[in-house]
PDB file of N, CA and C in Angstrom:
ATOM      1  N   MET A   1     107.212  17.696  61.581  1.00  0.00           N
ATOM      2  CA  MET A   1     106.817  16.869  62.710  1.00  0.00           C
ATOM      3  C   MET A   1     107.959  15.919  63.025  1.00  0.00           C
ATOM      4  N   THR A   2     108.180  15.680  64.270  1.00  0.00           N
ATOM      5  CA  THR A   2     109.232  14.763  64.685  1.00  0.00           C
ATOM      6  C   THR A   2     108.719  13.333  64.652  1.00  0.00           C
ATOM      7  N   SER A   3     109.635  12.407  64.688  1.00  0.00           N
ATOM      8  CA  SER A   3     109.264  10.998  64.685  1.00  0.00           C
ATOM      9  C   SER A   3     108.503  10.667  65.964  1.00  0.00           C
ATOM     10  N   SER A   4     107.509   9.806  65.815  1.00  0.00           N
ATOM     11  CA  SER A   4     106.693   9.452  66.976  1.00  0.00           C
ATOM     12  C   SER A   4     106.959   8.017  67.389  1.00  0.00           C
ATOM     13  N   PRO A   5     106.796   7.730  68.674  1.00  0.00           N
ATOM     14  CA  PRO A   5     106.931   6.346  69.123  1.00  0.00           C
ATOM     15  C   PRO A   5     105.849   5.481  68.485  1.00  0.00           C
ATOM     16  N   PRO A   6     106.120   4.209  68.236  1.00  0.00           N
ATOM     17  CA  PRO A   6     105.124   3.321  67.638  1.00  0.00           C
ATOM     18  C   PRO A   6     103.839   3.310  68.458  1.00  0.00           C
ATOM     19  N   GLY A   7     102.713   3.312  67.748  1.00  0.00           N
ATOM     20  CA  GLY A   7     101.418   3.225  68.411  1.00  0.00           C
ATOM     21  C   GLY A   7     100.872   4.551  68.891  1.00  0.00           C
ATOM     22  N   ILE A   8     101.649   5.614  68.816  1.00  0.00           N
ATOM     23  CA  ILE A   8     101.175   6.925  69.252  1.00  0.00           C
ATOM     24  C   ILE A   8     100.372   7.550  68.116  1.00  0.00           C
ATOM     25  N   SER A   9      99.224   8.098  68.443  1.00  0.00           N
ATOM     26  CA  SER A   9      98.387   8.730  67.431  1.00  0.00           C
ATOM     27  C   SER A   9      98.524  10.240  67.479  1.00  0.00           C
ATOM     28  N   TYR A  10      98.479  10.837  66.311  1.00  0.00           N
ATOM     29  CA  TYR A  10      98.500  12.279  66.174  1.00  0.00           C
ATOM     30  C   TYR A  10      97.346  12.688  65.271  1.00  0.00           C
ATOM     31  N   GLY A  11      96.866  13.908  65.449  1.00  0.00           N
ATOM     32  CA  GLY A  11      95.865  14.420  64.535  1.00  0.00           C
ATOM     33  C   GLY A  11      96.547  14.858  63.254  1.00  0.00           C
ATOM     34  N   TYR A  12      95.930  14.539  62.141  1.00  0.00           N
ATOM     35  CA  TYR A  12      96.486  15.025  60.887  1.00  0.00           C
ATOM     36  C   TYR A  12      95.350  15.541  60.044  1.00  0.00           C
ATOM     37  N   HIS A  13      95.700  16.366  59.107  1.00  0.00           N
ATOM     38  CA  HIS A  13      94.705  16.993  58.247  1.00  0.00           C
ATOM     39  C   HIS A  13      94.455  16.125  57.026  1.00  0.00           C
ATOM     40  N   ILE A  14      93.205  15.777  56.806  1.00  0.00           N
ATOM     41  CA  ILE A  14      92.834  15.020  55.605  1.00  0.00           C
ATOM     42  C   ILE A  14      93.287  15.822  54.382  1.00  0.00           C
ATOM     43  N   VAL A  15      92.879  17.083  54.323  1.00  0.00           N
ATOM     44  CA  VAL A  15      93.383  17.998  53.297  1.00  0.00           C
ATOM     45  C   VAL A  15      94.526  18.770  53.967  1.00  0.00           C
ATOM     46  N   PRO A  16      95.764  18.473  53.588  1.00  0.00           N
ATOM     47  CA  PRO A  16      96.904  19.111  54.245  1.00  0.00           C
ATOM     48  C   PRO A  16      96.843  20.640  54.154  1.00  0.00           C
ATOM     49  N   LEU A  17      97.355  21.294  55.186  1.00  0.00           N
ATOM     50  CA  LEU A  17      97.323  22.750  55.233  1.00  0.00           C
ATOM     51  C   LEU A  17      98.079  23.371  54.050  1.00  0.00           C
ATOM     52  N   ALA A  18      99.243  22.829  53.721  1.00  0.00           N
ATOM     53  CA  ALA A  18     100.015  23.387  52.603  1.00  0.00           C
ATOM     54  C   ALA A  18      99.286  23.190  51.280  1.00  0.00           C
ATOM     55  N   LEU A  19      98.622  22.055  51.118  1.00  0.00           N
ATOM     56  CA  LEU A  19      97.845  21.830  49.897  1.00  0.00           C
ATOM     57  C   LEU A  19      96.684  22.814  49.832  1.00  0.00           C
ATOM     58  N   ALA A  20      95.985  22.999  50.952  1.00  0.00           N
ATOM     59  CA  ALA A  20      94.882  23.962  50.979  1.00  0.00           C
ATOM     60  C   ALA A  20      95.391  25.356  50.615  1.00  0.00           C
ATOM     61  N   TRP A  21      96.557  25.714  51.127  1.00  0.00           N
ATOM     62  CA  TRP A  21      97.168  27.013  50.806  1.00  0.00           C
ATOM     63  C   TRP A  21      97.323  27.150  49.292  1.00  0.00           C
ATOM     64  N   ASP A  22      97.892  26.098  48.665  1.00  0.00           N
ATOM     65  CA  ASP A  22      98.105  26.116  47.222  1.00  0.00           C
ATOM     66  C   ASP A  22      96.797  26.164  46.440  1.00  0.00           C
ATOM     67  N   LEU A  23      95.745  25.573  47.005  1.00  0.00           N
ATOM     68  CA  LEU A  23      94.442  25.521  46.321  1.00  0.00           C
ATOM     69  C   LEU A  23      93.611  26.783  46.523  1.00  0.00           C
ATOM     70  N   GLY A  24      94.071  27.695  47.389  1.00  0.00           N
ATOM     71  CA  GLY A  24      93.339  28.943  47.551  1.00  0.00           C
ATOM     72  C   GLY A  24      93.247  29.492  48.955  1.00  0.00           C
ATOM     73  N   ALA A  25      93.654  28.723  49.952  1.00  0.00           N
ATOM     74  CA  ALA A  25      93.552  29.204  51.336  1.00  0.00           C
ATOM     75  C   ALA A  25      94.431  30.428  51.575  1.00  0.00           C
ATOM     76  N   ARG A  26      95.411  30.648  50.707  1.00  0.00           N
ATOM     77  CA  ARG A  26      96.261  31.835  50.864  1.00  0.00           C
ATOM     78  C   ARG A  26      95.452  33.117  50.751  1.00  0.00           C
ATOM     79  N   ASN A  27      94.280  33.033  50.149  1.00  0.00           N
ATOM     80  CA  ASN A  27      93.413  34.208  49.981  1.00  0.00           C
ATOM     81  C   ASN A  27      92.397  34.360  51.113  1.00  0.00           C
ATOM     82  N   TRP A  28      92.383  33.424  52.045  1.00  0.00           N
ATOM     83  CA  TRP A  28      91.440  33.474  53.151  1.00  0.00           C
ATOM     84  C   TRP A  28      91.913  34.443  54.229  1.00  0.00           C
ATOM     85  N   THR A  29      90.986  34.814  55.076  1.00  0.00           N
ATOM     86  CA  THR A  29      91.333  35.598  56.266  1.00  0.00           C
ATOM     87  C   THR A  29      92.042  34.672  57.260  1.00  0.00           C
ATOM     88  N   ASP A  30      92.719  35.269  58.214  1.00  0.00           N
ATOM     89  CA  ASP A  30      93.368  34.477  59.259  1.00  0.00           C
ATOM     90  C   ASP A  30      92.351  33.631  60.014  1.00  0.00           C
ATOM     91  N   ASP A  31      91.170  34.203  60.291  1.00  0.00           N
ATOM     92  CA  ASP A  31      90.128  33.451  61.003  1.00  0.00           C
ATOM     93  C   ASP A  31      89.683  32.227  60.213  1.00  0.00           C
ATOM     94  N   MET A  32      89.534  32.376  58.910  1.00  0.00           N
ATOM     95  CA  MET A  32      89.111  31.257  58.077  1.00  0.00           C
ATOM     96  C   MET A  32      90.201  30.177  58.041  1.00  0.00           C
ATOM     97  N   ARG A  33      91.451  30.568  57.970  1.00  0.00           N
ATOM     98  CA  ARG A  33      92.540  29.579  57.979  1.00  0.00           C
ATOM     99  C   ARG A  33      92.601  28.847  59.315  1.00  0.00           C
ATOM    100  N   ARG A  34      92.372  29.560  60.418  1.00  0.00           N
ATOM    101  CA  ARG A  34      92.345  28.922  61.746  1.00  0.00           C
ATOM    102  C   ARG A  34      91.180  27.928  61.823  1.00  0.00           C
ATOM    103  N   ARG A  35      90.025  28.340  61.307  1.00  0.00           N
ATOM    104  CA  ARG A  35      88.851  27.455  61.309  1.00  0.00           C
ATOM    105  C   ARG A  35      89.152  26.175  60.528  1.00  0.00           C
ATOM    106  N   PHE A  36      89.751  26.327  59.368  1.00  0.00           N
ATOM    107  CA  PHE A  36      90.103  25.168  58.542  1.00  0.00           C
ATOM    108  C   PHE A  36      91.089  24.263  59.280  1.00  0.00           C
ATOM    109  N   ALA A  37      92.127  24.846  59.871  1.00  0.00           N
ATOM    110  CA  ALA A  37      93.162  24.071  60.556  1.00  0.00           C
ATOM    111  C   ALA A  37      92.621  23.293  61.742  1.00  0.00           C
ATOM    112  N   ASN A  38      91.555  23.789  62.355  1.00  0.00           N
ATOM    113  CA  ASN A  38      90.996  23.151  63.551  1.00  0.00           C
ATOM    114  C   ASN A  38      89.663  22.458  63.306  1.00  0.00           C
ATOM    115  N   ASP A  39      89.230  22.378  62.068  1.00  0.00           N
ATOM    116  CA  ASP A  39      87.939  21.781  61.730  1.00  0.00           C
ATOM    117  C   ASP A  39      87.981  20.267  61.962  1.00  0.00           C
ATOM    118  N   PRO A  40      87.150  19.740  62.865  1.00  0.00           N
ATOM    119  CA  PRO A  40      87.139  18.292  63.123  1.00  0.00           C
ATOM    120  C   PRO A  40      86.846  17.455  61.871  1.00  0.00           C
ATOM    121  N   ALA A  41      86.141  18.026  60.905  1.00  0.00           N
ATOM    122  CA  ALA A  41      85.860  17.292  59.670  1.00  0.00           C
ATOM    123  C   ALA A  41      87.128  17.068  58.853  1.00  0.00           C
ATOM    124  N   ASN A  42      88.161  17.850  59.136  1.00  0.00           N
ATOM    125  CA  ASN A  42      89.411  17.738  58.398  1.00  0.00           C
ATOM    126  C   ASN A  42      90.528  17.130  59.253  1.00  0.00           C
ATOM    127  N   LEU A  43      90.195  16.616  60.413  1.00  0.00           N
ATOM    128  CA  LEU A  43      91.199  16.027  61.302  1.00  0.00           C
ATOM    129  C   LEU A  43      90.931  14.548  61.516  1.00  0.00           C
ATOM    130  N   LEU A  44      91.998  13.793  61.619  1.00  0.00           N
ATOM    131  CA  LEU A  44      91.892  12.354  61.812  1.00  0.00           C
ATOM    132  C   LEU A  44      93.060  11.914  62.677  1.00  0.00           C
ATOM    133  N   ALA A  45      92.813  11.032  63.620  1.00  0.00           N
ATOM    134  CA  ALA A  45      93.889  10.482  64.447  1.00  0.00           C
ATOM    135  C   ALA A  45      94.553   9.347  63.677  1.00  0.00           C
ATOM    136  N   VAL A  46      95.863   9.450  63.520  1.00  0.00           N
ATOM    137  CA  VAL A  46      96.617   8.420  62.801  1.00  0.00           C
ATOM    138  C   VAL A  46      97.933   8.164  63.513  1.00  0.00           C
ATOM    139  N   GLN A  47      98.547   7.050  63.179  1.00  0.00           N
ATOM    140  CA  GLN A  47      99.882   6.788  63.694  1.00  0.00           C
ATOM    141  C   GLN A  47     100.866   7.686  62.963  1.00  0.00           C
ATOM    142  N   GLY A  48     101.915   8.055  63.632  1.00  0.00           N
ATOM    143  CA  GLY A  48     102.891   9.002  63.109  1.00  0.00           C
ATOM    144  C   GLY A  48     103.437   8.662  61.734  1.00  0.00           C
ATOM    145  N   LYS A  49     103.723   7.388  61.453  1.00  0.00           N
ATOM    146  CA  LYS A  49     104.313   7.016  60.164  1.00  0.00           C
ATOM    147  C   LYS A  49     103.385   7.334  59.009  1.00  0.00           C
ATOM    148  N   ALA A  50     102.103   7.056  59.138  1.00  0.00           N
ATOM    149  CA  ALA A  50     101.160   7.356  58.062  1.00  0.00           C
ATOM    150  C   ALA A  50     101.129   8.855  57.790  1.00  0.00           C
ATOM    151  N   ASN A  51     101.153   9.652  58.838  1.00  0.00           N
ATOM    152  CA  ASN A  51     101.144  11.105  58.683  1.00  0.00           C
ATOM    153  C   ASN A  51     102.420  11.569  57.991  1.00  0.00           C
ATOM    154  N   GLN A  52     103.552  11.008  58.381  1.00  0.00           N
ATOM    155  CA  GLN A  52     104.821  11.393  57.768  1.00  0.00           C
ATOM    156  C   GLN A  52     104.873  10.972  56.309  1.00  0.00           C
ATOM    157  N   ASP A  53     104.352   9.788  55.996  1.00  0.00           N
ATOM    158  CA  ASP A  53     104.347   9.306  54.616  1.00  0.00           C
ATOM    159  C   ASP A  53     103.498  10.206  53.724  1.00  0.00           C
ATOM    160  N   LYS A  54     102.384  10.678  54.244  1.00  0.00           N
ATOM    161  CA  LYS A  54     101.465  11.502  53.462  1.00  0.00           C
ATOM    162  C   LYS A  54     102.036  12.883  53.210  1.00  0.00           C
ATOM    163  N   GLY A  55     102.601  13.491  54.226  1.00  0.00           N
ATOM    164  CA  GLY A  55     103.113  14.849  54.087  1.00  0.00           C
ATOM    165  C   GLY A  55     102.014  15.791  53.616  1.00  0.00           C
ATOM    166  N   ASP A  56     102.317  16.581  52.600  1.00  0.00           N
ATOM    167  CA  ASP A  56     101.352  17.534  52.052  1.00  0.00           C
ATOM    168  C   ASP A  56     100.763  17.047  50.732  1.00  0.00           C
ATOM    169  N   SER A  57     100.788  15.739  50.529  1.00  0.00           N
ATOM    170  CA  SER A  57     100.369  15.165  49.251  1.00  0.00           C
ATOM    171  C   SER A  57      98.870  15.232  49.024  1.00  0.00           C
ATOM    172  N   GLU A  58      98.536  15.348  47.757  1.00  0.00           N
ATOM    173  CA  GLU A  58      97.144  15.261  47.331  1.00  0.00           C
ATOM    174  C   GLU A  58      96.845  13.805  46.980  1.00  0.00           C
ATOM    175  N   PRO A  59      95.574  13.441  46.804  1.00  0.00           N
ATOM    176  CA  PRO A  59      95.234  12.046  46.538  1.00  0.00           C
ATOM    177  C   PRO A  59      95.922  11.440  45.308  1.00  0.00           C
ATOM    178  N   ALA A  60      96.221  12.236  44.310  1.00  0.00           N
ATOM    179  CA  ALA A  60      96.902  11.699  43.121  1.00  0.00           C
ATOM    180  C   ALA A  60      98.289  11.171  43.467  1.00  0.00           C
ATOM    181  N   ASP A  61      98.859  11.664  44.557  1.00  0.00           N
ATOM    182  CA  ASP A  61     100.216  11.272  44.940  1.00  0.00           C
ATOM    183  C   ASP A  61     100.299  10.388  46.177  1.00  0.00           C
ATOM    184  N   TRP A  62      99.222  10.322  46.948  1.00  0.00           N
ATOM    185  CA  TRP A  62      99.227   9.491  48.156  1.00  0.00           C
ATOM    186  C   TRP A  62      97.792   9.121  48.529  1.00  0.00           C
ATOM    187  N   MET A  63      97.608   7.851  48.807  1.00  0.00           N
ATOM    188  CA  MET A  63      96.357   7.352  49.370  1.00  0.00           C
ATOM    189  C   MET A  63      96.732   6.478  50.562  1.00  0.00           C
ATOM    190  N   PRO A  64      95.819   6.337  51.533  1.00  0.00           N
ATOM    191  CA  PRO A  64      96.132   5.512  52.704  1.00  0.00           C
ATOM    192  C   PRO A  64      96.565   4.105  52.286  1.00  0.00           C
ATOM    193  N   PRO A  65      97.554   3.556  52.961  1.00  0.00           N
ATOM    194  CA  PRO A  65      98.008   2.209  52.617  1.00  0.00           C
ATOM    195  C   PRO A  65      96.936   1.144  52.848  1.00  0.00           C
ATOM    196  N   ASN A  66      96.020   1.404  53.751  1.00  0.00           N
ATOM    197  CA  ASN A  66      94.925   0.469  54.029  1.00  0.00           C
ATOM    198  C   ASN A  66      93.785   0.737  53.040  1.00  0.00           C
ATOM    199  N   HIS A  67      93.657  -0.121  52.039  1.00  0.00           N
ATOM    200  CA  HIS A  67      92.645   0.078  51.000  1.00  0.00           C
ATOM    201  C   HIS A  67      91.224   0.071  51.558  1.00  0.00           C
ATOM    202  N   ALA A  68      91.020  -0.567  52.685  1.00  0.00           N
ATOM    203  CA  ALA A  68      89.689  -0.595  53.304  1.00  0.00           C
ATOM    204  C   ALA A  68      89.260   0.804  53.745  1.00  0.00           C
ATOM    205  N   PHE A  69      90.207   1.712  53.881  1.00  0.00           N
ATOM    206  CA  PHE A  69      89.922   3.077  54.320  1.00  0.00           C
ATOM    207  C   PHE A  69      89.737   4.044  53.143  1.00  0.00           C
ATOM    208  N   TRP A  70      89.951   3.593  51.922  1.00  0.00           N
ATOM    209  CA  TRP A  70      89.888   4.478  50.758  1.00  0.00           C
ATOM    210  C   TRP A  70      88.535   5.142  50.585  1.00  0.00           C
ATOM    211  N   CYS A  71      87.462   4.417  50.796  1.00  0.00           N
ATOM    212  CA  CYS A  71      86.125   4.996  50.646  1.00  0.00           C
ATOM    213  C   CYS A  71      85.962   6.185  51.586  1.00  0.00           C
ATOM    214  N   GLN A  72      86.186   5.952  52.865  1.00  0.00           N
ATOM    215  CA  GLN A  72      86.007   7.024  53.847  1.00  0.00           C
ATOM    216  C   GLN A  72      86.937   8.194  53.560  1.00  0.00           C
ATOM    217  N   TYR A  73      88.174   7.894  53.224  1.00  0.00           N
ATOM    218  CA  TYR A  73      89.155   8.947  52.947  1.00  0.00           C
ATOM    219  C   TYR A  73      88.696   9.815  51.766  1.00  0.00           C
ATOM    220  N   ALA A  74      88.284   9.172  50.688  1.00  0.00           N
ATOM    221  CA  ALA A  74      87.860   9.903  49.488  1.00  0.00           C
ATOM    222  C   ALA A  74      86.639  10.763  49.770  1.00  0.00           C
ATOM    223  N   VAL A  75      85.659  10.194  50.456  1.00  0.00           N
ATOM    224  CA  VAL A  75      84.432  10.938  50.760  1.00  0.00           C
ATOM    225  C   VAL A  75      84.745  12.124  51.665  1.00  0.00           C
ATOM    226  N   GLN A  76      85.578  11.894  52.671  1.00  0.00           N
ATOM    227  CA  GLN A  76      85.913  12.963  53.613  1.00  0.00           C
ATOM    228  C   GLN A  76      86.772  14.042  52.937  1.00  0.00           C
ATOM    229  N   PHE A  77      87.725  13.636  52.123  1.00  0.00           N
ATOM    230  CA  PHE A  77      88.574  14.599  51.417  1.00  0.00           C
ATOM    231  C   PHE A  77      87.713  15.490  50.524  1.00  0.00           C
ATOM    232  N   ALA A  78      86.820  14.876  49.745  1.00  0.00           N
ATOM    233  CA  ALA A  78      85.958  15.642  48.844  1.00  0.00           C
ATOM    234  C   ALA A  78      85.025  16.562  49.623  1.00  0.00           C
ATOM    235  N   ALA A  79      84.512  16.096  50.751  1.00  0.00           N
ATOM    236  CA  ALA A  79      83.596  16.916  51.557  1.00  0.00           C
ATOM    237  C   ALA A  79      84.310  18.146  52.107  1.00  0.00           C
ATOM    238  N   VAL A  80      85.560  17.981  52.540  1.00  0.00           N
ATOM    239  CA  VAL A  80      86.316  19.129  53.059  1.00  0.00           C
ATOM    240  C   VAL A  80      86.569  20.135  51.933  1.00  0.00           C
ATOM    241  N   LEU A  81      87.008  19.637  50.775  1.00  0.00           N
ATOM    242  CA  LEU A  81      87.219  20.555  49.651  1.00  0.00           C
ATOM    243  C   LEU A  81      85.939  21.318  49.321  1.00  0.00           C
ATOM    244  N   ARG A  82      84.846  20.595  49.236  1.00  0.00           N
ATOM    245  CA  ARG A  82      83.549  21.205  48.908  1.00  0.00           C
ATOM    246  C   ARG A  82      83.139  22.215  49.971  1.00  0.00           C
ATOM    247  N   GLY A  83      83.320  21.861  51.230  1.00  0.00           N
ATOM    248  CA  GLY A  83      82.918  22.733  52.330  1.00  0.00           C
ATOM    249  C   GLY A  83      83.670  24.049  52.369  1.00  0.00           C
ATOM    250  N   TYR A  84      84.873  24.051  51.823  1.00  0.00           N
ATOM    251  CA  TYR A  84      85.689  25.271  51.817  1.00  0.00           C
ATOM    252  C   TYR A  84      85.867  25.837  50.404  1.00  0.00           C
ATOM    253  N   ALA A  85      85.085  25.327  49.464  1.00  0.00           N
ATOM    254  CA  ALA A  85      85.112  25.797  48.072  1.00  0.00           C
ATOM    255  C   ALA A  85      86.523  25.734  47.481  1.00  0.00           C
ATOM    256  N   LEU A  86      87.247  24.670  47.802  1.00  0.00           N
ATOM    257  CA  LEU A  86      88.573  24.462  47.242  1.00  0.00           C
ATOM    258  C   LEU A  86      88.460  23.533  46.037  1.00  0.00           C
ATOM    259  N   PRO A  87      89.242  23.768  45.002  1.00  0.00           N
ATOM    260  CA  PRO A  87      89.161  22.935  43.800  1.00  0.00           C
ATOM    261  C   PRO A  87      89.917  21.616  43.972  1.00  0.00           C
ATOM    262  N   VAL A  88      89.654  20.703  43.072  1.00  0.00           N
ATOM    263  CA  VAL A  88      90.420  19.455  43.005  1.00  0.00           C
ATOM    264  C   VAL A  88      90.971  19.360  41.582  1.00  0.00           C
ATOM    265  N   ASP A  89      92.233  18.971  41.465  1.00  0.00           N
ATOM    266  CA  ASP A  89      92.793  18.854  40.114  1.00  0.00           C
ATOM    267  C   ASP A  89      92.316  17.560  39.466  1.00  0.00           C
ATOM    268  N   ASP A  90      92.484  17.476  38.157  1.00  0.00           N
ATOM    269  CA  ASP A  90      91.983  16.323  37.409  1.00  0.00           C
ATOM    270  C   ASP A  90      92.585  15.010  37.878  1.00  0.00           C
ATOM    271  N   ARG A  91      93.901  14.993  38.144  1.00  0.00           N
ATOM    272  CA  ARG A  91      94.550  13.751  38.586  1.00  0.00           C
ATOM    273  C   ARG A  91      93.961  13.253  39.900  1.00  0.00           C
ATOM    274  N   SER A  92      93.777  14.159  40.850  1.00  0.00           N
ATOM    275  CA  SER A  92      93.216  13.751  42.145  1.00  0.00           C
ATOM    276  C   SER A  92      91.742  13.401  42.018  1.00  0.00           C
ATOM    277  N   ALA A  93      91.023  14.081  41.142  1.00  0.00           N
ATOM    278  CA  ALA A  93      89.601  13.766  40.937  1.00  0.00           C
ATOM    279  C   ALA A  93      89.433  12.320  40.479  1.00  0.00           C
ATOM    280  N   VAL A  94      90.301  11.878  39.591  1.00  0.00           N
ATOM    281  CA  VAL A  94      90.240  10.491  39.111  1.00  0.00           C
ATOM    282  C   VAL A  94      90.473   9.525  40.267  1.00  0.00           C
ATOM    283  N   VAL A  95      91.487   9.778  41.069  1.00  0.00           N
ATOM    284  CA  VAL A  95      91.814   8.904  42.200  1.00  0.00           C
ATOM    285  C   VAL A  95      90.680   8.900  43.221  1.00  0.00           C
ATOM    286  N   LEU A  96      90.123  10.063  43.514  1.00  0.00           N
ATOM    287  CA  LEU A  96      89.017  10.142  44.484  1.00  0.00           C
ATOM    288  C   LEU A  96      87.783   9.393  43.970  1.00  0.00           C
ATOM    289  N   ARG A  97      87.495   9.500  42.683  1.00  0.00           N
ATOM    290  CA  ARG A  97      86.350   8.755  42.125  1.00  0.00           C
ATOM    291  C   ARG A  97      86.581   7.251  42.228  1.00  0.00           C
ATOM    292  N   GLU A  98      87.791   6.824  41.888  1.00  0.00           N
ATOM    293  CA  GLU A  98      88.109   5.393  41.984  1.00  0.00           C
ATOM    294  C   GLU A  98      88.007   4.907  43.425  1.00  0.00           C
ATOM    295  N   ALA A  99      88.504   5.694  44.359  1.00  0.00           N
ATOM    296  CA  ALA A  99      88.436   5.313  45.773  1.00  0.00           C
ATOM    297  C   ALA A  99      86.999   5.289  46.254  1.00  0.00           C
ATOM    298  N   ALA A 100      86.189   6.266  45.828  1.00  0.00           N
ATOM    299  CA  ALA A 100      84.776   6.320  46.219  1.00  0.00           C
ATOM    300  C   ALA A 100      84.012   5.118  45.647  1.00  0.00           C
ATOM    301  N   SER A 101      84.495   4.567  44.547  1.00  0.00           N
ATOM    302  CA  SER A 101      83.814   3.406  43.961  1.00  0.00           C
ATOM    303  C   SER A 101      83.969   2.169  44.843  1.00  0.00           C
ATOM    304  N   THR A 102      84.854   2.223  45.857  1.00  0.00           N
ATOM    305  CA  THR A 102      84.999   1.113  46.785  1.00  0.00           C
ATOM    306  C   THR A 102      83.987   1.179  47.927  1.00  0.00           C
ATOM    307  N   CYS A 103      83.211   2.264  47.970  1.00  0.00           N
ATOM    308  CA  CYS A 103      82.214   2.412  49.035  1.00  0.00           C
ATOM    309  C   CYS A 103      81.105   1.382  48.865  1.00  0.00           C
ATOM    310  N   PRO A 104      80.584   0.876  49.955  1.00  0.00           N
ATOM    311  CA  PRO A 104      79.463  -0.070  49.867  1.00  0.00           C
ATOM    312  C   PRO A 104      78.262   0.580  49.192  1.00  0.00           C
ATOM    313  N   ALA A 105      77.557  -0.172  48.401  1.00  0.00           N
ATOM    314  CA  ALA A 105      76.350   0.341  47.736  1.00  0.00           C
ATOM    315  C   ALA A 105      75.232   0.463  48.754  1.00  0.00           C
ATOM    316  N   GLY A 106      74.401   1.445  48.528  1.00  0.00           N
ATOM    317  CA  GLY A 106      73.206   1.566  49.361  1.00  0.00           C
ATOM    318  C   GLY A 106      73.320   2.640  50.324  1.00  0.00           C
TER     319      GLY A 106
END
């Protein structure tokens, strides 16, 4: 992706496409990969810098800089993995649990 002007939003994948590939999407049909790439549950509008900083990282290696967003990010990341039967490694599972613990009770 090229550099974006400040304030411009781009769609990015909560679960990056390359990470999904490594986790098992390489075994999917082309239709399933297209569905995953265009699934609104896996897309989020963000400013270009956040998307560039994240790259293809998993939660163990990158979390949103805004800690107030950690709850939503963790819940959404886990839901996408679950929805596509993709695994989570132990390191990322720990980070996702910690981030989910920031969610409001109730």
